């Protein structure tokens, strides 16, 4: 596993089929690699975890969210799926890096509740399209949210880009429903 993580010339997309055939023997070494290694190695380990659909437990997720590097933190937030991490995830909604704010909004879509709707509505006015998009998508799936909530949030948004993003996400949703 350490060699797979160090060799950046080995594309993750090509490693995944090989490692899938080795499951569950790769799970433990892959999770252990989260605690050691360089930022690049930990980022590759997270990519492999996501690709193999290995859900790290709460202690691993907590240690990942303690990272300082924005790129590593943003990827770590994409793994957050434990309600016990809710306070920590909410603290990243105002991070200076837009990747972290967007990933925190995506994490809220998985573990948030109706009390997060106002915060996500305010995030529709964020300067970053990535954050606006993640916030709009989270509003759709949160308890108490949905299409009507996103429509209303878009109408209340004082930022034209936020309104456009709400309309865009609603249009995508309508197209996806129409395809079924």
Foldseek 3Di string as FASTA:
>chain_A
DQVVLPPPVDDLVVVQVVVLVVPPVVVVVLLVCCVDDDLSSNLSSLVSCVSSVPQDDPVSLVVQCVDDDPVSNLSSLLNDQDLVCLVSLVVQCPPPDLSSNLSSLLSCLRRNAPVCLVVLLQQLQPPDLSNLLSSLVSQCRHVVHRLVSLQVSLVPDPDVSSVVSSVVVSVVVVVVVVVD
